[in-house]
Amino acid sequence: MKTGVQAVVSGLVGLGVFGFVLFYPAGTFKYWQAWVFIAVFAVATIVPGIYLARTNPSALQRRMHAGPRAETRTAQKFIIMGAFVGVFAIMVVSALDHRFGWSTVPTALCLVGDLLVATGLAIAMLVVVQNSYAAATVTVEAGQNVVSSGFYRFVRHPMYVGNVILMVGMPLALGSLWGLLGVVPGVLMLVFRILDEEKALAVELDGYREYMRRVRYRLLPHVW
């Protein structure tokens, strides 16, 4: 259960950072969209984290070992740094939008954004359940096999599909249309990450080239 405790503590620290990044630029705690977003994010990450800690702690450890310093490929270090900056930029711009009233988002659309956030996070966690080697870093471990079932039947990187849904949902959940501008560079960072990741997997993971021939699309069926 030690891994589960670490996951909960890490999640709480992350939520604290989210709170600062949102409420400080917003200039107020009267920001219901931010409170709901944080609550949704907490439930959608901490609860599955506890489940993985009980059922597959090694998979949870792989998910917790994240960030630029954890990456072994130089390109990925820069890509992940850019991705982190992009996510925080979406949050900050959304909070500033709330403060200065740059745009107005109906309550119903904010709640749709929260649903997208929950859906994106749920997809990412289900991918970990389907593929316990789905780490937060680009790496191939001894004994790792290609997974082609579940979401992997449709696209080669279903976890990143969840990330895209999450990024689209974040600014809407936070009541900002201007925050959507951050989705474009965020998706570009994912594209760069996928292209570099597949170079490594094609060389280091047995059977991955065959899998690439069978499942043609990386992120969106019939598009890319």
C-alpha atoms as a PDB file:
ATOM      1  CA  MET A   1       0.000   0.000   0.000  1.00  0.00           C
ATOM      2  CA  LYS A   2       3.046   2.234   0.156  1.00  0.00           C
ATOM      3  CA  THR A   3       2.696   2.985  -3.540  1.00  0.00           C
ATOM      4  CA  GLY A   4      -0.927   3.966  -3.008  1.00  0.00           C
ATOM      5  CA  VAL A   5       0.012   6.391  -0.242  1.00  0.00           C
ATOM      6  CA  GLN A   6       2.681   7.911  -2.463  1.00  0.00           C
ATOM      7  CA  ALA A   7       0.137   8.298  -5.246  1.00  0.00           C
ATOM      8  CA  VAL A   8      -2.365  10.014  -2.946  1.00  0.00           C
ATOM      9  CA  VAL A   9       0.274  12.364  -1.535  1.00  0.00           C
ATOM     10  CA  SER A  10       1.572  13.140  -5.015  1.00  0.00           C
ATOM     11  CA  GLY A  11      -1.976  13.769  -6.195  1.00  0.00           C
ATOM     12  CA  LEU A  12      -2.721  16.127  -3.304  1.00  0.00           C
ATOM     13  CA  VAL A  13       0.487  18.065  -3.938  1.00  0.00           C
ATOM     14  CA  GLY A  14      -0.451  18.318  -7.610  1.00  0.00           C
ATOM     15  CA  LEU A  15      -3.905  19.605  -6.713  1.00  0.00           C
ATOM     16  CA  GLY A  16      -2.293  22.197  -4.456  1.00  0.00           C
ATOM     17  CA  VAL A  17      -0.189  23.368  -7.382  1.00  0.00           C
ATOM     18  CA  PHE A  18      -3.312  23.490  -9.545  1.00  0.00           C
ATOM     19  CA  GLY A  19      -5.009  25.613  -6.906  1.00  0.00           C
ATOM     20  CA  PHE A  20      -2.161  28.130  -6.867  1.00  0.00           C
ATOM     21  CA  VAL A  21      -1.915  28.259 -10.673  1.00  0.00           C
ATOM     22  CA  LEU A  22      -5.654  28.902 -10.937  1.00  0.00           C
ATOM     23  CA  PHE A  23      -6.611  31.074  -7.981  1.00  0.00           C
ATOM     24  CA  TYR A  24      -3.573  33.374  -7.914  1.00  0.00           C
ATOM     25  CA  PRO A  25      -3.973  34.696 -11.496  1.00  0.00           C
ATOM     26  CA  ALA A  26      -7.765  34.701 -11.045  1.00  0.00           C
ATOM     27  CA  GLY A  27      -7.269  37.018  -8.067  1.00  0.00           C
ATOM     28  CA  THR A  28     -10.095  35.391  -6.137  1.00  0.00           C
ATOM     29  CA  PHE A  29     -11.327  32.165  -4.599  1.00  0.00           C
ATOM     30  CA  LYS A  30     -14.799  32.937  -5.953  1.00  0.00           C
ATOM     31  CA  TYR A  31     -14.145  30.880  -9.035  1.00  0.00           C
ATOM     32  CA  TRP A  32     -16.597  27.991  -8.954  1.00  0.00           C
ATOM     33  CA  GLN A  33     -15.385  26.607 -12.260  1.00  0.00           C
ATOM     34  CA  ALA A  34     -11.910  26.111 -10.802  1.00  0.00           C
ATOM     35  CA  TRP A  35     -13.279  24.411  -7.676  1.00  0.00           C
ATOM     36  CA  VAL A  36     -15.356  21.983  -9.747  1.00  0.00           C
ATOM     37  CA  PHE A  37     -12.431  21.319 -12.099  1.00  0.00           C
ATOM     38  CA  ILE A  38     -10.111  20.518  -9.180  1.00  0.00           C
ATOM     39  CA  ALA A  39     -12.748  18.232  -7.626  1.00  0.00           C
ATOM     40  CA  VAL A  40     -13.276  16.358 -10.903  1.00  0.00           C
ATOM     41  CA  PHE A  41      -9.522  16.046 -11.445  1.00  0.00           C
ATOM     42  CA  ALA A  42      -9.046  14.781  -7.880  1.00  0.00           C
ATOM     43  CA  VAL A  43     -11.700  12.077  -8.133  1.00  0.00           C
ATOM     44  CA  ALA A  44     -10.592  11.017 -11.621  1.00  0.00           C
ATOM     45  CA  THR A  45      -6.944  10.594 -10.600  1.00  0.00           C
ATOM     46  CA  ILE A  46      -6.778   9.665  -6.902  1.00  0.00           C
ATOM     47  CA  VAL A  47      -9.497   6.998  -6.952  1.00  0.00           C
ATOM     48  CA  PRO A  48      -8.025   5.114  -9.963  1.00  0.00           C
ATOM     49  CA  GLY A  49      -4.593   5.547  -8.383  1.00  0.00           C
ATOM     50  CA  ILE A  50      -5.756   3.738  -5.263  1.00  0.00           C
ATOM     51  CA  TYR A  51      -7.284   1.000  -7.444  1.00  0.00           C
ATOM     52  CA  LEU A  52      -4.005   0.500  -9.317  1.00  0.00           C
ATOM     53  CA  ALA A  53      -2.082   0.484  -6.040  1.00  0.00           C
ATOM     54  CA  ARG A  54      -4.168  -2.498  -4.952  1.00  0.00           C
ATOM     55  CA  THR A  55      -4.281  -4.364  -8.257  1.00  0.00           C
ATOM     56  CA  ASN A  56      -1.140  -3.408 -10.176  1.00  0.00           C
ATOM     57  CA  PRO A  57       1.313  -1.297  -8.134  1.00  0.00           C
ATOM     58  CA  SER A  58       4.082  -1.681 -10.727  1.00  0.00           C
ATOM     59  CA  ALA A  59       1.882  -0.005 -13.336  1.00  0.00           C
ATOM     60  CA  LEU A  60       1.161   2.820 -10.919  1.00  0.00           C
ATOM     61  CA  GLN A  61       4.870   3.248 -10.264  1.00  0.00           C
ATOM     62  CA  ARG A  62       5.464   3.610 -13.995  1.00  0.00           C
ATOM     63  CA  ARG A  63       2.805   6.326 -14.163  1.00  0.00           C
ATOM     64  CA  MET A  64       4.301   8.179 -11.196  1.00  0.00           C
ATOM     65  CA  HIS A  65       7.802   8.127 -12.675  1.00  0.00           C
ATOM     66  CA  ALA A  66       7.251  11.123 -14.911  1.00  0.00           C
ATOM     67  CA  GLY A  67       8.620  14.480 -15.964  1.00  0.00           C
ATOM     68  CA  PRO A  68      11.556  15.762 -18.032  1.00  0.00           C
ATOM     69  CA  ARG A  69      14.187  14.359 -15.659  1.00  0.00           C
ATOM     70  CA  ALA A  70      12.649  10.882 -15.895  1.00  0.00           C
ATOM     71  CA  GLU A  71      12.978  10.781 -19.682  1.00  0.00           C
ATOM     72  CA  THR A  72      16.038   9.051 -21.143  1.00  0.00           C
ATOM     73  CA  ARG A  73      15.712  10.511 -24.650  1.00  0.00           C
ATOM     74  CA  THR A  74      16.919  14.095 -25.060  1.00  0.00           C
ATOM     75  CA  ALA A  75      14.116  15.018 -27.454  1.00  0.00           C
ATOM     76  CA  GLN A  76      11.512  13.786 -24.966  1.00  0.00           C
ATOM     77  CA  LYS A  77      12.954  15.924 -22.177  1.00  0.00           C
ATOM     78  CA  PHE A  78      12.266  19.055 -24.216  1.00  0.00           C
ATOM     79  CA  ILE A  79       8.915  17.799 -25.463  1.00  0.00           C
ATOM     80  CA  ILE A  80       7.666  17.014 -21.962  1.00  0.00           C
ATOM     81  CA  MET A  81       8.885  20.372 -20.697  1.00  0.00           C
ATOM     82  CA  GLY A  82       6.969  22.054 -23.517  1.00  0.00           C
ATOM     83  CA  ALA A  83       3.884  19.977 -22.744  1.00  0.00           C
ATOM     84  CA  PHE A  84       3.974  20.967 -19.060  1.00  0.00           C
ATOM     85  CA  VAL A  85       4.351  24.630 -19.985  1.00  0.00           C
ATOM     86  CA  GLY A  86       1.437  24.304 -22.403  1.00  0.00           C
ATOM     87  CA  VAL A  87      -0.891  22.766 -19.807  1.00  0.00           C
ATOM     88  CA  PHE A  88      -0.065  25.397 -17.209  1.00  0.00           C
ATOM     89  CA  ALA A  89      -0.470  28.110 -19.855  1.00  0.00           C
ATOM     90  CA  ILE A  90      -4.009  26.866 -20.543  1.00  0.00           C
ATOM     91  CA  MET A  91      -4.793  27.098 -16.843  1.00  0.00           C
ATOM     92  CA  VAL A  92      -3.241  30.531 -16.344  1.00  0.00           C
ATOM     93  CA  VAL A  93      -4.900  32.040 -19.430  1.00  0.00           C
ATOM     94  CA  SER A  94      -8.243  30.552 -18.345  1.00  0.00           C
ATOM     95  CA  ALA A  95      -7.834  32.026 -14.862  1.00  0.00           C
ATOM     96  CA  LEU A  96      -6.904  35.442 -16.287  1.00  0.00           C
ATOM     97  CA  ASP A  97      -9.918  35.193 -18.564  1.00  0.00           C
ATOM     98  CA  HIS A  98     -12.085  34.696 -15.481  1.00  0.00           C
ATOM     99  CA  ARG A  99     -10.455  37.684 -13.780  1.00  0.00           C
ATOM    100  CA  PHE A 100     -10.783  40.133 -16.639  1.00  0.00           C
ATOM    101  CA  GLY A 101     -13.894  38.739 -18.333  1.00  0.00           C
ATOM    102  CA  TRP A 102     -12.399  38.248 -21.773  1.00  0.00           C
ATOM    103  CA  SER A 103     -14.988  35.613 -22.705  1.00  0.00           C
ATOM    104  CA  THR A 104     -18.208  34.130 -21.376  1.00  0.00           C
ATOM    105  CA  VAL A 105     -18.864  30.394 -21.257  1.00  0.00           C
ATOM    106  CA  PRO A 106     -22.357  29.129 -20.337  1.00  0.00           C
ATOM    107  CA  THR A 107     -22.594  26.946 -17.255  1.00  0.00           C
ATOM    108  CA  ALA A 108     -23.756  23.990 -19.347  1.00  0.00           C
ATOM    109  CA  LEU A 109     -20.628  24.224 -21.514  1.00  0.00           C
ATOM    110  CA  CYS A 110     -18.437  24.416 -18.401  1.00  0.00           C
ATOM    111  CA  LEU A 111     -20.006  21.180 -17.205  1.00  0.00           C
ATOM    112  CA  VAL A 112     -19.397  19.618 -20.618  1.00  0.00           C
ATOM    113  CA  GLY A 113     -15.759  20.624 -20.146  1.00  0.00           C
ATOM    114  CA  ASP A 114     -15.704  18.850 -16.768  1.00  0.00           C
ATOM    115  CA  LEU A 115     -17.148  15.763 -18.451  1.00  0.00           C
ATOM    116  CA  LEU A 116     -14.400  15.909 -21.081  1.00  0.00           C
ATOM    117  CA  VAL A 117     -11.763  16.221 -18.341  1.00  0.00           C
ATOM    118  CA  ALA A 118     -13.150  13.178 -16.556  1.00  0.00           C
ATOM    119  CA  THR A 119     -13.410  11.238 -19.835  1.00  0.00           C
ATOM    120  CA  GLY A 120      -9.842  12.046 -20.851  1.00  0.00           C
ATOM    121  CA  LEU A 121      -8.462  10.977 -17.489  1.00  0.00           C
ATOM    122  CA  ALA A 122     -10.626   7.836 -17.482  1.00  0.00           C
ATOM    123  CA  ILE A 123      -9.320   6.817 -20.907  1.00  0.00           C
ATOM    124  CA  ALA A 124      -5.733   7.314 -19.737  1.00  0.00           C
ATOM    125  CA  MET A 125      -6.316   5.128 -16.678  1.00  0.00           C
ATOM    126  CA  LEU A 126      -8.120   2.422 -18.671  1.00  0.00           C
ATOM    127  CA  VAL A 127      -5.149   2.319 -21.018  1.00  0.00           C
ATOM    128  CA  VAL A 128      -2.908   1.593 -18.026  1.00  0.00           C
ATOM    129  CA  VAL A 129      -5.250  -1.227 -17.009  1.00  0.00           C
ATOM    130  CA  GLN A 130      -5.123  -2.665 -20.538  1.00  0.00           C
ATOM    131  CA  ASN A 131      -1.361  -2.167 -20.848  1.00  0.00           C
ATOM    132  CA  SER A 132       0.554  -2.176 -17.575  1.00  0.00           C
ATOM    133  CA  TYR A 133       3.689  -1.097 -19.475  1.00  0.00           C
ATOM    134  CA  ALA A 134       2.038   2.194 -20.457  1.00  0.00           C
ATOM    135  CA  ALA A 135       4.538   4.371 -18.633  1.00  0.00           C
ATOM    136  CA  ALA A 136       4.679   8.154 -18.345  1.00  0.00           C
ATOM    137  CA  THR A 137       8.084   8.045 -20.005  1.00  0.00           C
ATOM    138  CA  VAL A 138       9.275   6.694 -23.341  1.00  0.00           C
ATOM    139  CA  THR A 139      10.955   3.451 -22.357  1.00  0.00           C
ATOM    140  CA  VAL A 140      10.974  -0.254 -23.215  1.00  0.00           C
ATOM    141  CA  GLU A 141      11.391  -2.724 -20.366  1.00  0.00           C
ATOM    142  CA  ALA A 142      12.683  -6.283 -20.355  1.00  0.00           C
ATOM    143  CA  GLY A 143       9.889  -8.706 -21.131  1.00  0.00           C
ATOM    144  CA  GLN A 144       7.611  -6.030 -22.521  1.00  0.00           C
ATOM    145  CA  ASN A 145       5.205  -7.173 -25.226  1.00  0.00           C
ATOM    146  CA  VAL A 146       3.187  -5.277 -27.807  1.00  0.00           C
ATOM    147  CA  VAL A 147      -0.415  -4.797 -26.673  1.00  0.00           C
ATOM    148  CA  SER A 148      -2.924  -4.771 -29.538  1.00  0.00           C
ATOM    149  CA  SER A 149      -6.219  -5.334 -27.705  1.00  0.00           C
ATOM    150  CA  GLY A 150      -8.648  -2.886 -26.118  1.00  0.00           C
ATOM    151  CA  PHE A 151      -8.152   0.693 -27.236  1.00  0.00           C
ATOM    152  CA  TYR A 152      -4.959  -0.372 -28.997  1.00  0.00           C
ATOM    153  CA  ARG A 153      -7.062  -2.050 -31.690  1.00  0.00           C
ATOM    154  CA  PHE A 154      -8.114   1.369 -32.979  1.00  0.00           C
ATOM    155  CA  VAL A 155      -5.126   3.675 -32.503  1.00  0.00           C
ATOM    156  CA  ARG A 156      -1.515   3.119 -31.532  1.00  0.00           C
ATOM    157  CA  HIS A 157      -1.493   5.760 -28.775  1.00  0.00           C
ATOM    158  CA  PRO A 158      -4.853   5.731 -26.999  1.00  0.00           C
ATOM    159  CA  MET A 159      -3.437   7.366 -23.871  1.00  0.00           C
ATOM    160  CA  TYR A 160      -2.651  10.471 -25.883  1.00  0.00           C
ATOM    161  CA  VAL A 161      -6.223  10.454 -27.181  1.00  0.00           C
ATOM    162  CA  GLY A 162      -7.248  10.852 -23.554  1.00  0.00           C
ATOM    163  CA  ASN A 163      -4.730  13.673 -23.195  1.00  0.00           C
ATOM    164  CA  VAL A 164      -6.224  15.561 -26.146  1.00  0.00           C
ATOM    165  CA  ILE A 165      -9.739  15.204 -24.739  1.00  0.00           C
ATOM    166  CA  LEU A 166      -8.432  16.435 -21.383  1.00  0.00           C
ATOM    167  CA  MET A 167      -6.763  19.479 -22.952  1.00  0.00           C
ATOM    168  CA  VAL A 168      -9.926  20.454 -24.830  1.00  0.00           C
ATOM    169  CA  GLY A 169     -12.020  20.037 -21.706  1.00  0.00           C
ATOM    170  CA  MET A 170      -9.777  22.056 -19.367  1.00  0.00           C
ATOM    171  CA  PRO A 171     -10.407  25.607 -20.642  1.00  0.00           C
ATOM    172  CA  LEU A 172     -14.117  24.915 -21.121  1.00  0.00           C
ATOM    173  CA  ALA A 173     -14.369  23.557 -17.578  1.00  0.00           C
ATOM    174  CA  LEU A 174     -12.559  26.666 -16.347  1.00  0.00           C
ATOM    175  CA  GLY A 175     -14.967  28.952 -18.207  1.00  0.00           C
ATOM    176  CA  SER A 176     -12.617  30.234 -20.875  1.00  0.00           C
ATOM    177  CA  LEU A 177     -12.683  30.319 -24.643  1.00  0.00           C
ATOM    178  CA  TRP A 178      -9.281  31.993 -24.871  1.00  0.00           C
ATOM    179  CA  GLY A 179      -7.746  29.060 -23.053  1.00  0.00           C
ATOM    180  CA  LEU A 180      -8.603  26.893 -26.057  1.00  0.00           C
ATOM    181  CA  LEU A 181      -5.743  28.572 -27.917  1.00  0.00           C
ATOM    182  CA  GLY A 182      -3.358  26.526 -25.779  1.00  0.00           C
ATOM    183  CA  VAL A 183      -4.783  23.284 -27.143  1.00  0.00           C
ATOM    184  CA  VAL A 184      -3.048  23.774 -30.516  1.00  0.00           C
ATOM    185  CA  PRO A 185       0.562  23.837 -29.199  1.00  0.00           C
ATOM    186  CA  GLY A 186      -0.395  21.123 -26.714  1.00  0.00           C
ATOM    187  CA  VAL A 187      -1.481  18.790 -29.512  1.00  0.00           C
ATOM    188  CA  LEU A 188       1.658  19.666 -31.482  1.00  0.00           C
ATOM    189  CA  MET A 189       3.767  18.597 -28.500  1.00  0.00           C
ATOM    190  CA  LEU A 190       1.915  15.271 -28.484  1.00  0.00           C
ATOM    191  CA  VAL A 191       2.562  14.835 -32.200  1.00  0.00           C
ATOM    192  CA  PHE A 192       6.295  15.418 -31.703  1.00  0.00           C
ATOM    193  CA  ARG A 193       6.272  13.025 -28.754  1.00  0.00           C
ATOM    194  CA  ILE A 194       4.513  10.301 -30.741  1.00  0.00           C
ATOM    195  CA  LEU A 195       6.854  10.593 -33.712  1.00  0.00           C
ATOM    196  CA  ASP A 196       9.946  10.336 -31.519  1.00  0.00           C
ATOM    197  CA  GLU A 197       8.423   7.597 -29.354  1.00  0.00           C
ATOM    198  CA  GLU A 198       7.649   5.432 -32.363  1.00  0.00           C
ATOM    199  CA  LYS A 199      11.252   5.689 -33.528  1.00  0.00           C
ATOM    200  CA  ALA A 200      12.313   4.124 -30.227  1.00  0.00           C
ATOM    201  CA  LEU A 201       9.547   1.505 -30.123  1.00  0.00           C
ATOM    202  CA  ALA A 202      10.180   0.376 -33.711  1.00  0.00           C
ATOM    203  CA  VAL A 203      13.806  -0.361 -32.817  1.00  0.00           C
ATOM    204  CA  GLU A 204      13.559  -1.580 -29.225  1.00  0.00           C
ATOM    205  CA  LEU A 205      10.184  -3.340 -28.921  1.00  0.00           C
ATOM    206  CA  ASP A 206       9.842  -6.684 -30.710  1.00  0.00           C
ATOM    207  CA  GLY A 207       6.760  -6.839 -32.888  1.00  0.00           C
ATOM    208  CA  TYR A 208       6.066  -3.123 -32.912  1.00  0.00           C
ATOM    209  CA  ARG A 209       6.794  -2.674 -36.627  1.00  0.00           C
ATOM    210  CA  GLU A 210       4.232  -5.378 -37.422  1.00  0.00           C
ATOM    211  CA  TYR A 211       1.761  -3.705 -35.067  1.00  0.00           C
ATOM    212  CA  MET A 212       2.292  -0.392 -36.917  1.00  0.00           C
ATOM    213  CA  ARG A 213       1.383  -2.132 -40.186  1.00  0.00           C
ATOM    214  CA  ARG A 214      -1.791  -3.625 -38.678  1.00  0.00           C
ATOM    215  CA  VAL A 215      -2.977  -0.505 -36.831  1.00  0.00           C
ATOM    216  CA  ARG A 216      -2.375   2.341 -39.240  1.00  0.00           C
ATOM    217  CA  TYR A 217      -3.499   5.315 -37.187  1.00  0.00           C
ATOM    218  CA  ARG A 218      -1.601   6.891 -34.330  1.00  0.00           C
ATOM    219  CA  LEU A 219      -4.100   9.233 -32.698  1.00  0.00           C
ATOM    220  CA  LEU A 220      -7.302   9.626 -34.692  1.00  0.00           C
ATOM    221  CA  PRO A 221      -8.782   6.848 -36.878  1.00  0.00           C
ATOM    222  CA  HIS A 222      -8.856   7.629 -40.590  1.00  0.00           C
ATOM    223  CA  VAL A 223      -6.983  10.900 -40.011  1.00  0.00           C
ATOM    224  CA  TRP A 224      -3.537  10.327 -38.473  1.00  0.00           C
END
